[in-house]
Structure formats: C-alpha cells, structure tokens
Protein backbone atom coordinates (compact mmCIF):
# COMPACT_ATOMS: atom_id res chain seq x y z
CA UNK A 1 81.66 134.34 99.70
CA UNK A 2 85.38 133.59 98.89
CA UNK A 3 85.98 130.03 100.11
CA UNK A 4 89.30 128.19 100.38
CA UNK A 5 89.76 124.74 99.01
CA UNK A 6 89.26 123.31 102.58
CA UNK A 7 86.07 125.22 103.03
CA UNK A 8 84.90 123.96 99.63
CA UNK A 9 85.60 120.33 100.77
CA UNK A 10 83.71 120.90 103.97
CA UNK A 11 80.69 122.43 102.03
CA UNK A 12 80.77 119.44 99.61
CA UNK A 13 80.69 116.98 102.54
CA UNK A 14 77.82 118.91 104.09
CA UNK A 15 75.89 118.77 100.81
CA UNK A 16 76.68 115.02 100.34
CA UNK A 17 75.65 114.11 103.94
CA UNK A 18 72.76 116.46 104.57
CA UNK A 19 70.92 114.21 107.01
CA UNK A 20 74.04 113.10 108.93
CA UNK A 21 76.07 114.76 111.71
CA UNK A 22 79.47 115.80 110.65
CA UNK A 23 81.67 114.66 113.48
CA UNK A 24 85.20 114.68 112.28
CA UNK A 25 85.80 118.26 111.53
CA UNK A 26 88.89 118.85 113.69
CA UNK A 27 91.03 117.50 110.86
CA UNK A 28 90.12 120.67 108.84
CA UNK A 29 91.72 122.85 111.53
CA UNK A 30 95.34 122.83 110.73
CA UNK A 31 98.41 125.19 110.65
CA UNK A 32 97.21 126.45 107.29
CA UNK A 33 93.75 127.55 108.48
CA UNK A 34 95.32 129.06 111.68
CA UNK A 35 97.65 131.06 109.46
CA UNK A 36 94.81 132.12 107.13
CA UNK A 37 92.74 133.20 110.19
CA UNK A 38 95.62 135.05 111.64
CA UNK A 39 96.13 136.94 108.43
CA UNK A 40 92.45 137.78 108.12
CA UNK A 41 91.96 139.34 111.52
CA UNK A 42 91.98 143.05 112.40
CA UNK A 43 95.53 143.85 113.54
CA UNK A 44 94.39 147.11 115.07
CA UNK A 45 92.22 145.45 117.54
CA UNK A 46 92.93 145.66 121.25
CA UNK A 47 94.88 143.17 123.45
CA UNK A 48 93.17 140.60 125.61
CA UNK A 49 93.66 139.84 129.18
CA UNK A 50 97.22 138.64 128.48
CA UNK A 51 98.11 142.10 127.23
CA UNK A 52 99.91 140.92 124.06
CA UNK A 53 99.65 143.20 121.06
CA UNK A 54 99.49 142.11 117.53
CA UNK A 55 103.00 143.48 116.98
CA UNK A 56 104.44 141.39 119.83
CA UNK A 57 102.44 138.39 118.75
CA UNK A 58 103.82 138.57 115.21
CA UNK A 59 107.27 137.97 116.63
CA UNK A 60 106.24 134.68 118.25
CA UNK A 61 103.33 133.60 115.98
CA UNK A 62 105.42 130.97 114.12
CA UNK A 63 106.38 129.35 117.35
CA UNK A 64 103.07 129.62 119.19
CA UNK A 65 100.80 128.32 116.13
CA UNK A 66 101.95 124.59 116.49
CA UNK A 67 101.43 124.88 120.29
CA UNK A 68 97.96 126.32 119.83
CA UNK A 69 97.09 123.63 117.39
CA UNK A 70 98.35 120.78 119.60
CA UNK A 71 96.50 122.11 122.55
CA UNK A 72 93.30 122.39 120.51
CA UNK A 73 93.54 118.95 118.91
CA UNK A 74 94.66 117.40 122.20
CA UNK A 75 91.69 118.77 123.99
CA UNK A 76 93.75 120.70 126.53
CA UNK A 77 92.95 124.22 125.11
CA UNK A 78 91.00 126.34 127.49
CA UNK A 79 89.80 129.68 126.42
CA UNK A 80 91.36 132.35 128.56
CA UNK A 81 89.12 135.01 130.33
CA UNK A 82 87.81 137.79 128.17
CA UNK A 83 88.96 141.28 128.86
CA UNK A 84 85.91 143.47 129.62
CA UNK A 85 85.88 147.07 128.65
CA UNK A 86 82.93 149.47 128.38
CA UNK A 87 82.16 151.66 125.38
CA UNK A 88 79.76 154.65 125.27
CA UNK A 89 76.25 153.71 124.17
CA UNK A 90 74.25 156.54 122.87
CA UNK A 91 73.73 159.55 125.12
CA UNK A 92 73.48 157.71 128.28
CA UNK A 93 75.20 154.61 129.61
CA UNK A 94 77.87 152.25 128.38
CA UNK A 95 77.85 148.98 126.75
CA UNK A 96 80.14 146.05 127.78
CA UNK A 97 82.56 144.65 125.17
CA UNK A 98 84.54 141.44 125.66
CA UNK A 99 87.93 141.36 124.10
CA UNK A 100 89.46 137.81 123.74
CA UNK A 101 93.24 137.19 123.43
CA UNK A 102 94.97 137.10 120.03
CA UNK A 103 95.23 133.32 120.11
CA UNK A 104 91.57 132.93 121.07
CA UNK A 105 90.60 135.10 118.11
CA UNK A 106 92.67 133.06 115.86
CA UNK A 107 91.21 129.78 116.96
CA UNK A 108 87.67 131.19 116.98
CA UNK A 109 88.16 132.36 113.38
CA UNK A 110 89.50 128.90 112.41
CA UNK A 111 86.45 127.22 114.00
CA UNK A 112 84.16 129.75 112.17
CA UNK A 113 85.79 129.04 108.92
CA UNK A 114 85.24 125.31 109.43
CA UNK A 115 81.53 125.63 110.51
CA UNK A 116 80.34 128.26 108.09
CA UNK A 117 80.25 126.06 105.01
CA UNK A 118 78.24 123.47 106.88
CA UNK A 119 75.54 125.93 107.97
CA UNK A 120 75.52 127.81 104.76
CA UNK A 121 74.25 124.53 103.21
CA UNK A 122 71.35 124.47 105.56
CA UNK A 123 70.18 128.13 105.38
CA UNK A 124 67.52 129.24 102.95
CA UNK A 125 67.77 132.13 100.64
CA UNK A 126 65.56 134.16 103.05
CA UNK A 127 67.91 133.63 106.01
CA UNK A 128 69.82 136.84 106.71
CA UNK A 129 70.96 136.75 110.40
CA UNK A 130 74.79 136.88 110.96
CA UNK A 131 75.74 135.69 107.37
CA UNK A 132 78.55 137.09 105.40
CA UNK A 133 77.24 139.56 102.60
CA UNK A 134 73.75 139.72 104.32
CA UNK A 135 72.40 142.46 106.56
CA UNK A 136 69.29 143.48 108.54
CA UNK A 137 68.52 146.05 105.79
CA UNK A 138 68.40 143.22 103.12
CA UNK A 139 66.10 141.23 105.47
CA UNK A 140 63.70 144.26 105.83
CA UNK A 141 63.73 144.71 101.94
CA UNK A 142 63.00 141.12 101.38
CA UNK A 143 60.09 141.22 103.89
CA UNK A 144 58.73 144.36 102.29
CA UNK A 145 58.67 142.73 98.92
CA UNK A 146 57.03 139.59 100.36
CA UNK A 147 54.15 141.48 101.91
CA UNK A 148 53.65 144.02 99.22
CA UNK A 149 52.30 141.66 96.68
C-alpha cells in the first residue's frame, strides 16, 4: 500500500496507542487530502443527484474544496441523497447501484484515507475482506493451505 506522509503519521499514532480510541482525526482531513482524494477518483464515473459531471466540477473545484472542508469540520456537512440506478444482474433481474455526488465521493475517499491506516494496524495477516491488495481468491487460497496440512 502506497501511503502518504499523513497516512504514515496516522498509522504510527494507531501503533503507539493500540488500546486507546483515536478521537482527534478530523485534523488529518485538510485541503491537501481533499485534493489527493479528488485526483485519485475515477473521472469517468457518473454524476450524482446534483447532475454535476467531473468536467464541470473541475472548473469549480478550487473554489468548492475550502467550502466542503469548512462544512465538514464545522459539522454542517450533510451527505446529499444518492442517485439510484439499476444495472443488469446476470440473465434475469437488475441490481440497484447508488451513485453519490462528486463532493461526497471526495469526502468519503478522504475519510477512508484517514481511517484505513488505523484499521490496517488492527488486522491480522489472515484478514482479507475489503482490504487493498487483498481478494476473495487470496482468502480461499489461504484457507486451502491451512486445512491441507
């Protein structure tokens, strides 16, 4: 996993204070992490309920980022509704898919970048679910090796 300096600081804090709750993490969410999150997201993804495309958001991103950060840190940020679409599922039926707004995606990614180093410290080597660089196939392979002694 390629961690930023901030993520390494969070991981070090989590290692140092394993038995304590880390309660002051909002300080790690700043304009820098919002920018990193914005840059890392898929720019071909669909628009949310606000209808803003990535191309349109790019024009206002420098102005919107401080406002998003202030709303988040001030406690006034409310996640907007998620746009619901249905995609085909196999031969029969459809699966619902929720598409958040671009700003909500950016904030979600920023929070994920802050929390991941903390939880990575708590996971064991045999933990595979929803972790970067880990897959269900690796979990099956691990279990196969463990029971095949």
